Amino acid sequence: MYNRPNWQRRRRSLLVLVLGLLFLGFLIQPSYQWTKTNVAAMAGRHDSQMSPIIMIPGSSATQNRFDTLVKQLNKADHRRHSLIKLTVMTDDTIKMTGSLRARDNEPIIVVGFQNNRDGYDNIKHQARWFSLAFKKLAAKYQFNNFKAIGHSNGGLIYTYYFEHYFNRDDIKVKRIMTIGSPYNFSEANLNHKTQMLADFIKYRDRLPKSATMYSVAGTENYDSDGLVPARSVEAGKYIYQGQVKHFTEITVTGTNAQHSDLPQNAQIVTLIRTYMLDKPKQTRKDLVSTGTVE
């Protein structure tokens, strides 16, 4: 008479235990799969040999801005760097064209924006849109390092991105090059800091510490490249100097030193080849041909 309720309680307890174990299994299985997938992705990223060059054009320019530059690089470098282009739309969708050539570990990737207008507010939006494109690229290509090149406002977008969005421990930016970037917009007097420059200086401690930075200015008359004051480009040192591993200022003069011509400037091509591209690894065949080994 009294055993029946005890048996029912034991049965109920067993049922609760089984249901609890089943529920726990439902929770553990997705977690296990997620962990397994992420461990595999981390291992793939860690072992990756890819080191892309990711370029951002300036205001009013599209993802096609660097086509001539890439052709010149491929011709001068005797290597065929893949060219992949992304356009981030204002609704956060991303359009991608181009493909990665087999065994190409140093593709060139250009990220443009549907809203490519000038102005500090737009630069903030573009930096966020770039962060979306970067996440997509990192997931697709699994690289663990990259090189950053920004022309004009592209350098400003990169600066805002580094200070507010780039917080990954699994990916390192090796080298940064900004070309004709107006860190103080059209203001030539560095005593008159724009809000953007003041903000860049305020958050500069967030910049990637291990990166090497090259700030390139073009000048027609040593005061301006025809659009951006040389002193505005020079303001980059107040942002990057002392925050990154190395900071170097470079001035380009002469033919095609005007602001819009800088991406096609022969000196710029040489600078990118010299400072931004990774040196190709020599094979045994290369070493034999140069007499390094017999």
Protein backbone atom coordinates (compact mmCIF):
# COMPACT_ATOMS: atom_id res chain seq x y z
CA MET A 1 0.00 0.00 0.00
CA TYR A 2 2.87 2.34 0.80
CA ASN A 3 5.33 0.92 -1.81
CA ARG A 4 3.24 2.02 -4.79
CA PRO A 5 3.77 5.76 -4.23
CA ASN A 6 7.53 5.16 -3.70
CA TRP A 7 7.70 3.23 -6.94
CA GLN A 8 5.84 5.98 -8.74
CA ARG A 9 8.20 8.57 -7.33
CA ARG A 10 11.20 6.53 -8.46
CA ARG A 11 9.67 6.15 -11.90
CA ARG A 12 8.98 9.86 -12.07
CA SER A 13 12.54 10.66 -10.95
CA LEU A 14 13.95 8.29 -13.56
CA LEU A 15 11.81 9.91 -16.25
CA VAL A 16 12.99 13.36 -15.21
CA LEU A 17 16.61 12.13 -15.28
CA VAL A 18 16.23 10.67 -18.78
CA LEU A 19 14.55 13.80 -20.08
CA GLY A 20 17.28 15.91 -18.49
CA LEU A 21 20.00 13.83 -20.13
CA LEU A 22 18.26 14.09 -23.51
CA PHE A 23 17.95 17.86 -23.14
CA LEU A 24 21.61 18.09 -22.16
CA GLY A 25 22.50 16.05 -25.23
CA PHE A 26 20.60 18.46 -27.45
CA LEU A 27 22.62 21.30 -25.93
CA ILE A 28 25.98 19.56 -26.10
CA GLN A 29 25.76 18.36 -29.71
CA PRO A 30 25.55 21.83 -31.33
CA SER A 31 28.23 23.09 -28.95
CA TYR A 32 30.49 20.18 -29.89
CA GLN A 33 29.96 20.80 -33.59
CA TRP A 34 30.59 24.54 -33.13
CA THR A 35 33.82 23.84 -31.20
CA LYS A 36 34.96 21.29 -33.76
CA THR A 37 34.30 23.68 -36.64
CA ASN A 38 36.05 26.60 -34.93
CA VAL A 39 39.09 24.56 -33.95
CA ALA A 40 39.42 23.44 -37.56
CA ALA A 41 39.05 27.04 -38.76
CA MET A 42 41.66 28.28 -36.26
CA ALA A 43 44.08 25.55 -37.33
CA GLY A 44 43.51 26.44 -40.98
CA ARG A 45 44.08 30.14 -40.32
CA HIS A 46 47.19 29.46 -38.24
CA ASP A 47 48.73 27.39 -41.03
CA SER A 48 47.66 29.70 -43.86
CA GLN A 49 50.35 31.01 -46.20
CA MET A 50 48.09 33.72 -47.62
CA SER A 51 48.95 37.37 -47.05
CA PRO A 52 46.61 39.54 -49.14
CA ILE A 53 47.00 43.21 -49.96
CA ILE A 54 43.69 44.90 -49.17
CA MET A 55 43.16 48.31 -50.78
CA ILE A 56 40.55 51.00 -50.10
CA PRO A 57 40.05 53.80 -52.67
CA GLY A 58 39.25 57.42 -51.85
CA SER A 59 35.96 59.28 -51.99
CA SER A 60 34.03 59.19 -55.29
CA ALA A 61 36.19 56.26 -56.43
CA THR A 62 34.90 52.74 -57.03
CA GLN A 63 36.29 49.26 -56.64
CA ASN A 64 37.88 49.74 -60.09
CA ARG A 65 40.15 52.56 -58.87
CA PHE A 66 43.30 50.46 -58.69
CA ASP A 67 42.98 48.50 -61.96
CA THR A 68 45.88 50.33 -63.61
CA LEU A 69 48.01 50.07 -60.47
CA VAL A 70 47.47 46.30 -60.30
CA LYS A 71 48.42 45.90 -63.97
CA GLN A 72 51.59 47.91 -63.37
CA LEU A 73 52.43 45.85 -60.26
CA ASN A 74 51.94 42.56 -62.07
CA LYS A 75 54.12 43.74 -64.95
CA ALA A 76 56.89 45.07 -62.74
CA ASP A 77 56.76 42.26 -60.19
CA HIS A 78 56.66 39.46 -62.79
CA ARG A 79 53.90 37.84 -60.77
CA ARG A 80 50.18 37.58 -61.43
CA HIS A 81 48.45 38.81 -58.32
CA SER A 82 44.77 37.88 -58.36
CA LEU A 83 42.41 40.85 -58.33
CA ILE A 84 39.28 40.48 -56.23
CA LYS A 85 36.82 43.34 -55.85
CA LEU A 86 34.13 43.95 -53.25
CA THR A 87 31.47 46.65 -53.11
CA VAL A 88 29.62 47.12 -49.83
CA MET A 89 26.10 48.40 -50.36
CA THR A 90 24.28 50.78 -48.03
CA ASP A 91 22.03 47.92 -46.88
CA ASP A 92 25.13 46.01 -45.68
CA THR A 93 25.05 43.48 -48.53
CA ILE A 94 28.31 42.81 -50.35
CA LYS A 95 28.95 42.24 -54.04
CA MET A 96 32.13 40.37 -54.95
CA THR A 97 33.78 39.83 -58.32
CA GLY A 98 37.03 38.15 -59.34
CA SER A 99 38.58 34.93 -58.14
CA LEU A 100 41.67 33.64 -56.41
CA ARG A 101 44.23 32.19 -58.80
CA ALA A 102 45.62 28.78 -57.83
CA ARG A 103 48.71 29.00 -55.59
CA ASP A 104 48.43 32.77 -55.30
CA ASN A 105 49.25 33.61 -51.69
CA GLU A 106 49.32 37.37 -52.22
CA PRO A 107 46.12 38.43 -53.97
CA ILE A 108 45.11 42.05 -54.26
CA ILE A 109 41.67 42.78 -52.85
CA VAL A 110 39.90 46.11 -53.38
CA VAL A 111 36.98 47.15 -51.18
CA GLY A 112 34.74 49.97 -52.43
CA PHE A 113 31.43 51.37 -51.22
CA GLN A 114 28.10 52.23 -52.78
CA ASN A 115 28.18 55.37 -50.65
CA ASN A 116 31.65 56.66 -51.52
CA ARG A 117 31.04 60.29 -50.65
CA ASP A 118 33.39 62.54 -48.71
CA GLY A 119 32.96 63.80 -45.14
CA TYR A 120 33.77 62.56 -41.65
CA ASP A 121 30.32 61.06 -41.05
CA ASN A 122 30.56 59.07 -44.27
CA ILE A 123 34.07 57.91 -43.36
CA LYS A 124 32.64 56.47 -40.13
CA HIS A 125 29.95 54.62 -42.10
CA GLN A 126 32.51 53.38 -44.61
CA ALA A 127 34.77 52.07 -41.84
CA ARG A 128 31.86 50.02 -40.49
CA TRP A 129 31.05 48.75 -43.98
CA PHE A 130 34.69 47.84 -44.44
CA SER A 131 34.54 45.83 -41.20
CA LEU A 132 31.73 43.77 -42.75
CA ALA A 133 33.78 43.16 -45.89
CA PHE A 134 36.84 42.24 -43.83
CA LYS A 135 34.89 39.65 -41.83
CA LYS A 136 33.64 38.13 -45.07
CA LEU A 137 37.15 38.00 -46.52
CA ALA A 138 38.66 36.54 -43.34
CA ALA A 139 36.05 33.79 -43.24
CA LYS A 140 36.41 32.97 -46.94
CA TYR A 141 40.20 33.01 -47.30
CA GLN A 142 41.37 32.15 -43.75
CA PHE A 143 44.45 34.43 -43.82
CA ASN A 144 46.29 35.26 -40.59
CA ASN A 145 47.94 38.48 -41.80
CA PHE A 146 47.46 41.14 -44.45
CA LYS A 147 48.83 44.41 -45.80
CA ALA A 148 46.68 47.56 -45.91
CA ILE A 149 46.80 50.28 -48.60
CA GLY A 150 44.48 53.28 -48.63
CA HIS A 151 44.47 56.11 -51.17
CA SER A 152 43.17 59.51 -50.04
CA ASN A 153 40.10 58.94 -47.85
CA GLY A 154 40.86 55.22 -48.02
CA GLY A 155 43.66 55.90 -45.54
CA LEU A 156 41.21 57.71 -43.26
CA ILE A 157 38.77 54.80 -43.46
CA TYR A 158 41.56 52.42 -42.53
CA THR A 159 42.59 54.62 -39.59
CA TYR A 160 39.05 54.76 -38.21
CA TYR A 161 38.67 51.01 -38.80
CA PHE A 162 41.87 50.19 -36.92
CA GLU A 163 40.87 52.39 -34.00
CA HIS A 164 37.25 51.20 -33.68
CA TYR A 165 36.75 47.81 -35.35
CA PHE A 166 40.00 45.87 -35.74
CA ASN A 167 40.19 43.87 -32.51
CA ARG A 168 41.20 40.42 -33.76
CA ASP A 169 43.97 38.42 -32.15
CA ASP A 170 44.03 35.82 -34.93
CA ILE A 171 44.87 38.23 -37.76
CA LYS A 172 47.78 40.67 -37.87
CA VAL A 173 48.23 43.68 -40.12
CA LYS A 174 51.87 43.55 -41.19
CA ARG A 175 52.23 46.81 -43.08
CA ILE A 176 50.10 49.89 -43.70
CA MET A 177 50.51 52.44 -46.50
CA THR A 178 48.35 55.51 -46.91
CA ILE A 179 48.75 57.56 -50.08
CA GLY A 180 47.79 61.24 -50.10
CA SER A 181 45.50 60.78 -47.09
CA PRO A 182 44.25 64.14 -45.69
CA TYR A 183 44.32 63.45 -41.96
CA ASN A 184 43.32 67.06 -41.31
CA PHE A 185 41.10 67.31 -44.40
CA SER A 186 41.77 70.58 -46.28
CA GLU A 187 43.19 72.35 -43.22
CA ALA A 188 46.88 73.16 -43.77
CA ASN A 189 47.47 74.64 -40.31
CA LEU A 190 48.12 71.83 -37.85
CA ASN A 191 47.26 74.17 -34.98
CA HIS A 192 43.70 74.04 -36.29
CA LYS A 193 42.75 70.41 -35.85
CA THR A 194 39.56 69.15 -37.43
CA GLN A 195 37.27 66.99 -35.31
CA MET A 196 38.41 63.96 -37.28
CA LEU A 197 42.09 64.57 -36.58
CA ALA A 198 41.37 65.21 -32.90
CA ASP A 199 39.46 61.93 -32.72
CA PHE A 200 42.21 60.01 -34.53
CA ILE A 201 44.75 61.32 -32.00
CA LYS A 202 42.42 60.56 -29.07
CA TYR A 203 42.07 56.88 -29.98
CA ARG A 204 45.53 56.28 -31.46
CA ASP A 205 46.49 53.89 -28.67
CA ARG A 206 44.15 51.37 -30.34
CA LEU A 207 46.26 51.19 -33.51
CA PRO A 208 47.99 47.86 -34.24
CA LYS A 209 51.29 48.01 -32.35
CA SER A 210 53.20 45.50 -34.49
CA ALA A 211 52.49 47.16 -37.85
CA THR A 212 54.94 49.12 -39.98
CA MET A 213 53.37 52.29 -41.36
CA TYR A 214 54.26 54.32 -44.48
CA SER A 215 52.56 57.67 -45.04
CA VAL A 216 53.10 58.80 -48.64
CA ALA A 217 52.47 62.36 -49.78
CA GLY A 218 52.43 63.62 -53.34
CA THR A 219 53.37 67.21 -54.08
CA GLU A 220 53.26 69.40 -57.15
CA ASN A 221 54.82 72.37 -55.36
CA TYR A 222 55.85 70.96 -51.93
CA ASP A 223 52.74 72.54 -50.42
CA SER A 224 50.01 70.43 -52.00
CA ASP A 225 49.33 67.61 -54.44
CA GLY A 226 46.83 69.87 -56.15
CA LEU A 227 44.03 68.89 -53.77
CA VAL A 228 45.37 67.80 -50.38
CA PRO A 229 47.72 70.09 -48.40
CA ALA A 230 51.04 68.42 -47.66
CA ARG A 231 50.65 69.47 -44.01
CA SER A 232 47.37 67.58 -43.82
CA VAL A 233 49.10 64.39 -44.96
CA GLU A 234 51.92 65.17 -42.52
CA ALA A 235 49.39 65.16 -39.68
CA GLY A 236 49.44 61.38 -39.91
CA LYS A 237 52.57 61.37 -37.76
CA TYR A 238 50.58 62.70 -34.80
CA ILE A 239 48.36 59.64 -35.11
CA TYR A 240 50.71 56.79 -35.97
CA GLN A 241 54.17 57.81 -34.76
CA GLY A 242 55.00 56.14 -31.46
CA GLN A 243 51.94 53.88 -31.73
CA VAL A 244 53.03 51.44 -34.44
CA LYS A 245 56.30 49.52 -34.68
CA HIS A 246 57.79 51.77 -37.37
CA PHE A 247 56.53 54.98 -38.96
CA THR A 248 57.99 56.48 -42.15
CA GLU A 249 57.00 59.54 -44.16
CA ILE A 250 57.69 59.54 -47.92
CA THR A 251 57.18 62.38 -50.40
CA VAL A 252 56.67 61.76 -54.11
CA THR A 253 57.21 64.59 -56.60
CA GLY A 254 57.40 65.03 -60.34
CA THR A 255 55.21 63.45 -63.01
CA ASN A 256 51.84 62.09 -61.83
CA ALA A 257 52.30 63.51 -58.33
CA GLN A 258 48.89 65.16 -58.54
CA HIS A 259 46.40 63.71 -56.04
CA SER A 260 44.20 61.71 -58.41
CA ASP A 261 47.23 60.42 -60.36
CA LEU A 262 49.05 58.98 -57.35
CA PRO A 263 47.75 55.40 -57.71
CA GLN A 264 49.27 55.29 -61.22
CA ASN A 265 52.51 57.03 -60.23
CA ALA A 266 55.59 54.96 -61.14
CA GLN A 267 57.26 55.90 -57.86
CA ILE A 268 54.21 54.69 -55.94
CA VAL A 269 54.36 51.36 -57.79
CA THR A 270 58.02 51.05 -56.81
CA LEU A 271 57.25 51.92 -53.20
CA ILE A 272 54.52 49.27 -53.03
CA ARG A 273 56.81 46.67 -54.58
CA THR A 274 59.64 47.58 -52.22
CA TYR A 275 57.80 48.02 -48.94
CA MET A 276 54.42 46.31 -49.17
CA LEU A 277 54.81 43.14 -51.21
CA ASP A 278 56.26 40.05 -49.59
CA LYS A 279 59.47 38.88 -51.20
CA PRO A 280 58.80 35.69 -53.22
CA LYS A 281 60.34 32.61 -51.70
CA GLN A 282 63.21 31.25 -53.74
CA THR A 283 62.90 27.66 -54.89
CA ARG A 284 65.87 25.35 -55.34
CA LYS A 285 65.63 26.01 -59.10
CA ASP A 286 65.95 29.76 -58.43
CA LEU A 287 68.92 29.22 -56.15
CA VAL A 288 70.70 27.04 -58.70
CA SER A 289 70.12 29.60 -61.45
CA THR A 290 71.69 32.33 -59.31
CA GLY A 291 74.61 30.14 -58.27
CA THR A 292 73.62 30.10 -54.61
CA VAL A 293 73.63 26.30 -54.52
CA GLU A 294 75.11 23.70 -56.84
